[in-house]
Amino acid sequence: MSGTAFRSGAERSYPLPHAGPGAQFTESLVTSVAALLVAYGFPRLDASADRAALEKALTAFLYNPLESHK
């Protein structure tokens, strides 16, 4: 990944410090990411289970899990 290599000690922006999806996390975000994957040659997400898995993966990347907020 030229130009995007991980730098040791660099401060991360993600996951976000709150526990769950905000207003910007919408069905259209999942749809847009799915379309981008197809544009890069990945298979379409036709099954609802695939869409649910993508949503779960995006949530895991973007937001801290609830159990980390004690």
PDB file of N, CA and C in Angstrom:
ATOM      1  N   MET A   1       0.848  -1.179   0.000  1.00  0.00           N
ATOM      2  CA  MET A   1       0.000   0.000   0.000  1.00  0.00           C
ATOM      3  C   MET A   1       0.888   1.234   0.000  1.00  0.00           C
ATOM      4  N   SER A   2       1.285   1.645  -1.126  1.00  0.00           N
ATOM      5  CA  SER A   2       2.201   2.774  -1.202  1.00  0.00           C
ATOM      6  C   SER A   2       1.531   4.042  -0.694  1.00  0.00           C
ATOM      7  N   GLY A   3       2.265   4.770   0.135  1.00  0.00           N
ATOM      8  CA  GLY A   3       1.750   6.024   0.655  1.00  0.00           C
ATOM      9  C   GLY A   3       0.814   5.881   1.832  1.00  0.00           C
ATOM     10  N   THR A   4       0.407   4.668   2.170  1.00  0.00           N
ATOM     11  CA  THR A   4      -0.525   4.492   3.276  1.00  0.00           C
ATOM     12  C   THR A   4       0.005   3.520   4.314  1.00  0.00           C
ATOM     13  N   ALA A   5       1.302   3.287   4.306  1.00  0.00           N
ATOM     14  CA  ALA A   5       1.887   2.337   5.254  1.00  0.00           C
ATOM     15  C   ALA A   5       1.663   2.822   6.682  1.00  0.00           C
ATOM     16  N   PHE A   6       1.445   1.873   7.572  1.00  0.00           N
ATOM     17  CA  PHE A   6       1.231   2.187   8.975  1.00  0.00           C
ATOM     18  C   PHE A   6       2.511   2.742   9.568  1.00  0.00           C
ATOM     19  N   ARG A   7       2.396   3.857  10.266  1.00  0.00           N
ATOM     20  CA  ARG A   7       3.545   4.457  10.938  1.00  0.00           C
ATOM     21  C   ARG A   7       3.469   4.123  12.413  1.00  0.00           C
ATOM     22  N   SER A   8       4.512   3.547  12.920  1.00  0.00           N
ATOM     23  CA  SER A   8       4.566   3.211  14.334  1.00  0.00           C
ATOM     24  C   SER A   8       4.415   4.473  15.168  1.00  0.00           C
ATOM     25  N   GLY A   9       3.530   4.419  16.154  1.00  0.00           N
ATOM     26  CA  GLY A   9       3.331   5.555  17.034  1.00  0.00           C
ATOM     27  C   GLY A   9       2.372   6.601  16.507  1.00  0.00           C
ATOM     28  N   ALA A  10       1.858   6.436  15.304  1.00  0.00           N
ATOM     29  CA  ALA A  10       0.916   7.404  14.754  1.00  0.00           C
ATOM     30  C   ALA A  10      -0.419   7.277  15.484  1.00  0.00           C
ATOM     31  N   GLU A  11      -1.032   8.406  15.790  1.00  0.00           N
ATOM     32  CA  GLU A  11      -2.322   8.393  16.468  1.00  0.00           C
ATOM     33  C   GLU A  11      -3.409   7.963  15.495  1.00  0.00           C
ATOM     34  N   ARG A  12      -4.234   7.038  15.938  1.00  0.00           N
ATOM     35  CA  ARG A  12      -5.325   6.532  15.100  1.00  0.00           C
ATOM     36  C   ARG A  12      -6.554   7.413  15.217  1.00  0.00           C
ATOM     37  N   SER A  13      -7.341   7.446  14.151  1.00  0.00           N
ATOM     38  CA  SER A  13      -8.612   8.159  14.146  1.00  0.00           C
ATOM     39  C   SER A  13      -9.784   7.219  14.443  1.00  0.00           C
ATOM     40  N   TYR A  14      -9.577   5.923  14.216  1.00  0.00           N
ATOM     41  CA  TYR A  14     -10.628   4.928  14.400  1.00  0.00           C
ATOM     42  C   TYR A  14     -10.138   3.843  15.329  1.00  0.00           C
ATOM     43  N   PRO A  15     -10.985   3.234  16.095  1.00  0.00           N
ATOM     44  CA  PRO A  15     -12.435   3.424  16.181  1.00  0.00           C
ATOM     45  C   PRO A  15     -12.780   4.731  16.893  1.00  0.00           C
ATOM     46  N   LEU A  16     -13.961   5.229  16.571  1.00  0.00           N
ATOM     47  CA  LEU A  16     -14.444   6.456  17.186  1.00  0.00           C
ATOM     48  C   LEU A  16     -14.730   6.200  18.658  1.00  0.00           C
ATOM     49  N   PRO A  17     -14.613   7.218  19.489  1.00  0.00           N
ATOM     50  CA  PRO A  17     -14.704   7.013  20.928  1.00  0.00           C
ATOM     51  C   PRO A  17     -16.091   6.724  21.485  1.00  0.00           C
ATOM     52  N   HIS A  18     -17.131   6.799  20.694  1.00  0.00           N
ATOM     53  CA  HIS A  18     -18.448   6.488  21.238  1.00  0.00           C
ATOM     54  C   HIS A  18     -18.862   5.075  20.878  1.00  0.00           C
ATOM     55  N   ALA A  19     -19.907   4.604  21.494  1.00  0.00           N
ATOM     56  CA  ALA A  19     -20.209   3.178  21.492  1.00  0.00           C
ATOM     57  C   ALA A  19     -21.077   2.674  20.351  1.00  0.00           C
ATOM     58  N   GLY A  20     -21.516   3.507  19.450  1.00  0.00           N
ATOM     59  CA  GLY A  20     -22.378   2.958  18.422  1.00  0.00           C
ATOM     60  C   GLY A  20     -22.606   3.903  17.273  1.00  0.00           C
ATOM     61  N   PRO A  21     -23.259   3.395  16.254  1.00  0.00           N
ATOM     62  CA  PRO A  21     -23.471   4.171  15.037  1.00  0.00           C
ATOM     63  C   PRO A  21     -24.146   5.507  15.281  1.00  0.00           C
ATOM     64  N   GLY A  22     -23.584   6.533  14.666  1.00  0.00           N
ATOM     65  CA  GLY A  22     -24.169   7.859  14.708  1.00  0.00           C
ATOM     66  C   GLY A  22     -25.071   8.076  13.504  1.00  0.00           C
ATOM     67  N   ALA A  23     -25.527   9.289  13.345  1.00  0.00           N
ATOM     68  CA  ALA A  23     -26.463   9.622  12.270  1.00  0.00           C
ATOM     69  C   ALA A  23     -25.875   9.385  10.885  1.00  0.00           C
ATOM     70  N   GLN A  24     -24.541   9.491  10.755  1.00  0.00           N
ATOM     71  CA  GLN A  24     -23.927   9.315   9.439  1.00  0.00           C
ATOM     72  C   GLN A  24     -23.837   7.850   9.017  1.00  0.00           C
ATOM     73  N   PHE A  25     -24.077   6.919   9.968  1.00  0.00           N
ATOM     74  CA  PHE A  25     -24.045   5.495   9.640  1.00  0.00           C
ATOM     75  C   PHE A  25     -25.447   5.088   9.205  1.00  0.00           C
ATOM     76  N   THR A  26     -25.664   5.060   7.905  1.00  0.00           N
ATOM     77  CA  THR A  26     -26.988   4.787   7.360  1.00  0.00           C
ATOM     78  C   THR A  26     -26.919   3.594   6.410  1.00  0.00           C
ATOM     79  N   GLU A  27     -28.073   3.169   5.990  1.00  0.00           N
ATOM     80  CA  GLU A  27     -28.159   2.105   4.988  1.00  0.00           C
ATOM     81  C   GLU A  27     -27.437   2.527   3.714  1.00  0.00           C
ATOM     82  N   SER A  28     -27.501   3.821   3.383  1.00  0.00           N
ATOM     83  CA  SER A  28     -26.827   4.268   2.160  1.00  0.00           C
ATOM     84  C   SER A  28     -25.303   4.179   2.281  1.00  0.00           C
ATOM     85  N   LEU A  29     -24.753   4.289   3.491  1.00  0.00           N
ATOM     86  CA  LEU A  29     -23.312   4.084   3.672  1.00  0.00           C
ATOM     87  C   LEU A  29     -22.949   2.644   3.342  1.00  0.00           C
ATOM     88  N   VAL A  30     -23.723   1.698   3.854  1.00  0.00           N
ATOM     89  CA  VAL A  30     -23.472   0.284   3.562  1.00  0.00           C
ATOM     90  C   VAL A  30     -23.616   0.029   2.065  1.00  0.00           C
ATOM     91  N   THR A  31     -24.632   0.612   1.456  1.00  0.00           N
ATOM     92  CA  THR A  31     -24.847   0.461   0.014  1.00  0.00           C
ATOM     93  C   THR A  31     -23.684   1.053  -0.776  1.00  0.00           C
ATOM     94  N   SER A  32     -23.188   2.202  -0.352  1.00  0.00           N
ATOM     95  CA  SER A  32     -22.060   2.839  -1.040  1.00  0.00           C
ATOM     96  C   SER A  32     -20.791   2.005  -0.932  1.00  0.00           C
ATOM     97  N   VAL A  33     -20.522   1.467   0.249  1.00  0.00           N
ATOM     98  CA  VAL A  33     -19.338   0.623   0.426  1.00  0.00           C
ATOM     99  C   VAL A  33     -19.476  -0.646  -0.410  1.00  0.00           C
ATOM    100  N   ALA A  34     -20.665  -1.226  -0.434  1.00  0.00           N
ATOM    101  CA  ALA A  34     -20.903  -2.422  -1.250  1.00  0.00           C
ATOM    102  C   ALA A  34     -20.656  -2.117  -2.725  1.00  0.00           C
ATOM    103  N   ALA A  35     -21.127  -0.972  -3.202  1.00  0.00           N
ATOM    104  CA  ALA A  35     -20.917  -0.580  -4.600  1.00  0.00           C
ATOM    105  C   ALA A  35     -19.433  -0.359  -4.888  1.00  0.00           C
ATOM    106  N   LEU A  36     -18.717   0.205  -3.944  1.00  0.00           N
ATOM    107  CA  LEU A  36     -17.284   0.416  -4.116  1.00  0.00           C
ATOM    108  C   LEU A  36     -16.542  -0.914  -4.210  1.00  0.00           C
ATOM    109  N   LEU A  37     -16.942  -1.875  -3.390  1.00  0.00           N
ATOM    110  CA  LEU A  37     -16.330  -3.202  -3.479  1.00  0.00           C
ATOM    111  C   LEU A  37     -16.541  -3.811  -4.865  1.00  0.00           C
ATOM    112  N   VAL A  38     -17.748  -3.684  -5.398  1.00  0.00           N
ATOM    113  CA  VAL A  38     -18.052  -4.204  -6.741  1.00  0.00           C
ATOM    114  C   VAL A  38     -17.193  -3.483  -7.779  1.00  0.00           C
ATOM    115  N   ALA A  39     -17.042  -2.164  -7.634  1.00  0.00           N
ATOM    116  CA  ALA A  39     -16.231  -1.387  -8.579  1.00  0.00           C
ATOM    117  C   ALA A  39     -14.772  -1.852  -8.584  1.00  0.00           C
ATOM    118  N   TYR A  40     -14.312  -2.394  -7.466  1.00  0.00           N
ATOM    119  CA  TYR A  40     -12.945  -2.906  -7.367  1.00  0.00           C
ATOM    120  C   TYR A  40     -12.854  -4.385  -7.722  1.00  0.00           C
ATOM    121  N   GLY A  41     -13.938  -4.951  -8.239  1.00  0.00           N
ATOM    122  CA  GLY A  41     -13.899  -6.309  -8.749  1.00  0.00           C
ATOM    123  C   GLY A  41     -14.365  -7.393  -7.794  1.00  0.00           C
ATOM    124  N   PHE A  42     -14.863  -7.000  -6.627  1.00  0.00           N
ATOM    125  CA  PHE A  42     -15.396  -7.985  -5.698  1.00  0.00           C
ATOM    126  C   PHE A  42     -16.825  -8.342  -6.090  1.00  0.00           C
ATOM    127  N   PRO A  43     -17.312  -9.527  -5.680  1.00  0.00           N
ATOM    128  CA  PRO A  43     -18.677  -9.922  -6.032  1.00  0.00           C
ATOM    129  C   PRO A  43     -19.724  -9.012  -5.384  1.00  0.00           C
ATOM    130  N   ARG A  44     -20.881  -8.940  -6.039  1.00  0.00           N
ATOM    131  CA  ARG A  44     -22.013  -8.186  -5.502  1.00  0.00           C
ATOM    132  C   ARG A  44     -22.480  -8.805  -4.190  1.00  0.00           C
ATOM    133  N   LEU A  45     -23.020  -7.988  -3.327  1.00  0.00           N
ATOM    134  CA  LEU A  45     -23.599  -8.460  -2.073  1.00  0.00           C
ATOM    135  C   LEU A  45     -25.089  -8.682  -2.293  1.00  0.00           C
ATOM    136  N   ASP A  46     -25.438  -9.836  -2.828  1.00  0.00           N
ATOM    137  CA  ASP A  46     -26.836 -10.119  -3.127  1.00  0.00           C
ATOM    138  C   ASP A  46     -27.589 -10.697  -1.940  1.00  0.00           C
ATOM    139  N   ALA A  47     -26.906 -11.438  -1.088  1.00  0.00           N
ATOM    140  CA  ALA A  47     -27.562 -12.069   0.053  1.00  0.00           C
ATOM    141  C   ALA A  47     -27.675 -11.084   1.210  1.00  0.00           C
ATOM    142  N   SER A  48     -28.807 -11.112   1.896  1.00  0.00           N
ATOM    143  CA  SER A  48     -28.985 -10.211   3.038  1.00  0.00           C
ATOM    144  C   SER A  48     -27.966 -10.520   4.139  1.00  0.00           C
ATOM    145  N   ALA A  49     -27.542 -11.767   4.240  1.00  0.00           N
ATOM    146  CA  ALA A  49     -26.533 -12.128   5.236  1.00  0.00           C
ATOM    147  C   ALA A  49     -25.192 -11.457   4.923  1.00  0.00           C
ATOM    148  N   ASP A  50     -24.873 -11.301   3.637  1.00  0.00           N
ATOM    149  CA  ASP A  50     -23.644 -10.603   3.254  1.00  0.00           C
ATOM    150  C   ASP A  50     -23.724  -9.121   3.615  1.00  0.00           C
ATOM    151  N   ARG A  51     -24.871  -8.509   3.371  1.00  0.00           N
ATOM    152  CA  ARG A  51     -25.058  -7.088   3.722  1.00  0.00           C
ATOM    153  C   ARG A  51     -24.972  -6.899   5.234  1.00  0.00           C
ATOM    154  N   ALA A  52     -25.556  -7.815   5.985  1.00  0.00           N
ATOM    155  CA  ALA A  52     -25.506  -7.741   7.448  1.00  0.00           C
ATOM    156  C   ALA A  52     -24.061  -7.887   7.934  1.00  0.00           C
ATOM    157  N   ALA A  53     -23.300  -8.777   7.308  1.00  0.00           N
ATOM    158  CA  ALA A  53     -21.901  -8.968   7.689  1.00  0.00           C
ATOM    159  C   ALA A  53     -21.080  -7.723   7.370  1.00  0.00           C
ATOM    160  N   LEU A  54     -21.352  -7.071   6.237  1.00  0.00           N
ATOM    161  CA  LEU A  54     -20.650  -5.834   5.887  1.00  0.00           C
ATOM    162  C   LEU A  54     -20.981  -4.743   6.902  1.00  0.00           C
ATOM    163  N   GLU A  55     -22.245  -4.620   7.266  1.00  0.00           N
ATOM    164  CA  GLU A  55     -22.646  -3.623   8.260  1.00  0.00           C
ATOM    165  C   GLU A  55     -21.946  -3.882   9.596  1.00  0.00           C
ATOM    166  N   LYS A  56     -21.872  -5.136   9.992  1.00  0.00           N
ATOM    167  CA  LYS A  56     -21.211  -5.506  11.243  1.00  0.00           C
ATOM    168  C   LYS A  56     -19.716  -5.166  11.186  1.00  0.00           C
ATOM    169  N   ALA A  57     -19.082  -5.454  10.051  1.00  0.00           N
ATOM    170  CA  ALA A  57     -17.658  -5.159   9.889  1.00  0.00           C
ATOM    171  C   ALA A  57     -17.399  -3.651   9.924  1.00  0.00           C
ATOM    172  N   LEU A  58     -18.247  -2.875   9.266  1.00  0.00           N
ATOM    173  CA  LEU A  58     -18.097  -1.416   9.289  1.00  0.00           C
ATOM    174  C   LEU A  58     -18.284  -0.875  10.706  1.00  0.00           C
ATOM    175  N   THR A  59     -19.271  -1.387  11.410  1.00  0.00           N
ATOM    176  CA  THR A  59     -19.511  -0.958  12.788  1.00  0.00           C
ATOM    177  C   THR A  59     -18.314  -1.288  13.664  1.00  0.00           C
ATOM    178  N   ALA A  60     -17.753  -2.474  13.497  1.00  0.00           N
ATOM    179  CA  ALA A  60     -16.592  -2.888  14.292  1.00  0.00           C
ATOM    180  C   ALA A  60     -15.385  -1.995  14.007  1.00  0.00           C
ATOM    181  N   PHE A  61     -15.207  -1.582  12.757  1.00  0.00           N
ATOM    182  CA  PHE A  61     -14.085  -0.715  12.407  1.00  0.00           C
ATOM    183  C   PHE A  61     -14.292   0.708  12.920  1.00  0.00           C
ATOM    184  N   LEU A  62     -15.523   1.209  12.782  1.00  0.00           N
ATOM    185  CA  LEU A  62     -15.787   2.614  13.068  1.00  0.00           C
ATOM    186  C   LEU A  62     -15.966   2.948  14.544  1.00  0.00           C
ATOM    187  N   TYR A  63     -16.519   2.023  15.320  1.00  0.00           N
ATOM    188  CA  TYR A  63     -16.948   2.362  16.681  1.00  0.00           C
ATOM    189  C   TYR A  63     -16.364   1.425  17.730  1.00  0.00           C
ATOM    190  N   ASN A  64     -16.044   1.990  18.892  1.00  0.00           N
ATOM    191  CA  ASN A  64     -15.624   1.187  20.026  1.00  0.00           C
ATOM    192  C   ASN A  64     -16.784   0.284  20.462  1.00  0.00           C
ATOM    193  N   PRO A  65     -16.482  -0.928  20.888  1.00  0.00           N
ATOM    194  CA  PRO A  65     -17.548  -1.806  21.380  1.00  0.00           C
ATOM    195  C   PRO A  65     -18.094  -1.308  22.716  1.00  0.00           C
ATOM    196  N   LEU A  66     -19.326  -1.649  23.002  1.00  0.00           N
ATOM    197  CA  LEU A  66     -19.980  -1.228  24.227  1.00  0.00           C
ATOM    198  C   LEU A  66     -19.207  -1.650  25.466  1.00  0.00           C
ATOM    199  N   GLU A  67     -18.634  -2.851  25.458  1.00  0.00           N
ATOM    200  CA  GLU A  67     -17.956  -3.355  26.665  1.00  0.00           C
ATOM    201  C   GLU A  67     -16.711  -2.556  27.024  1.00  0.00           C
ATOM    202  N   SER A  68     -16.205  -1.722  26.127  1.00  0.00           N
ATOM    203  CA  SER A  68     -15.024  -0.932  26.459  1.00  0.00           C
ATOM    204  C   SER A  68     -15.405   0.362  27.203  1.00  0.00           C
ATOM    205  N   HIS A  69     -16.714   0.628  27.354  1.00  0.00           N
ATOM    206  CA  HIS A  69     -17.194   1.828  28.045  1.00  0.00           C
ATOM    207  C   HIS A  69     -17.761   1.426  29.380  1.00  0.00           C
ATOM    208  N   LYS A  70     -16.932   1.428  30.405  1.00  0.00           N
ATOM    209  CA  LYS A  70     -17.392   1.000  31.725  1.00  0.00           C
ATOM    210  C   LYS A  70     -17.368   2.149  32.695  1.00  0.00           C
TER     211      LYS A  70
END
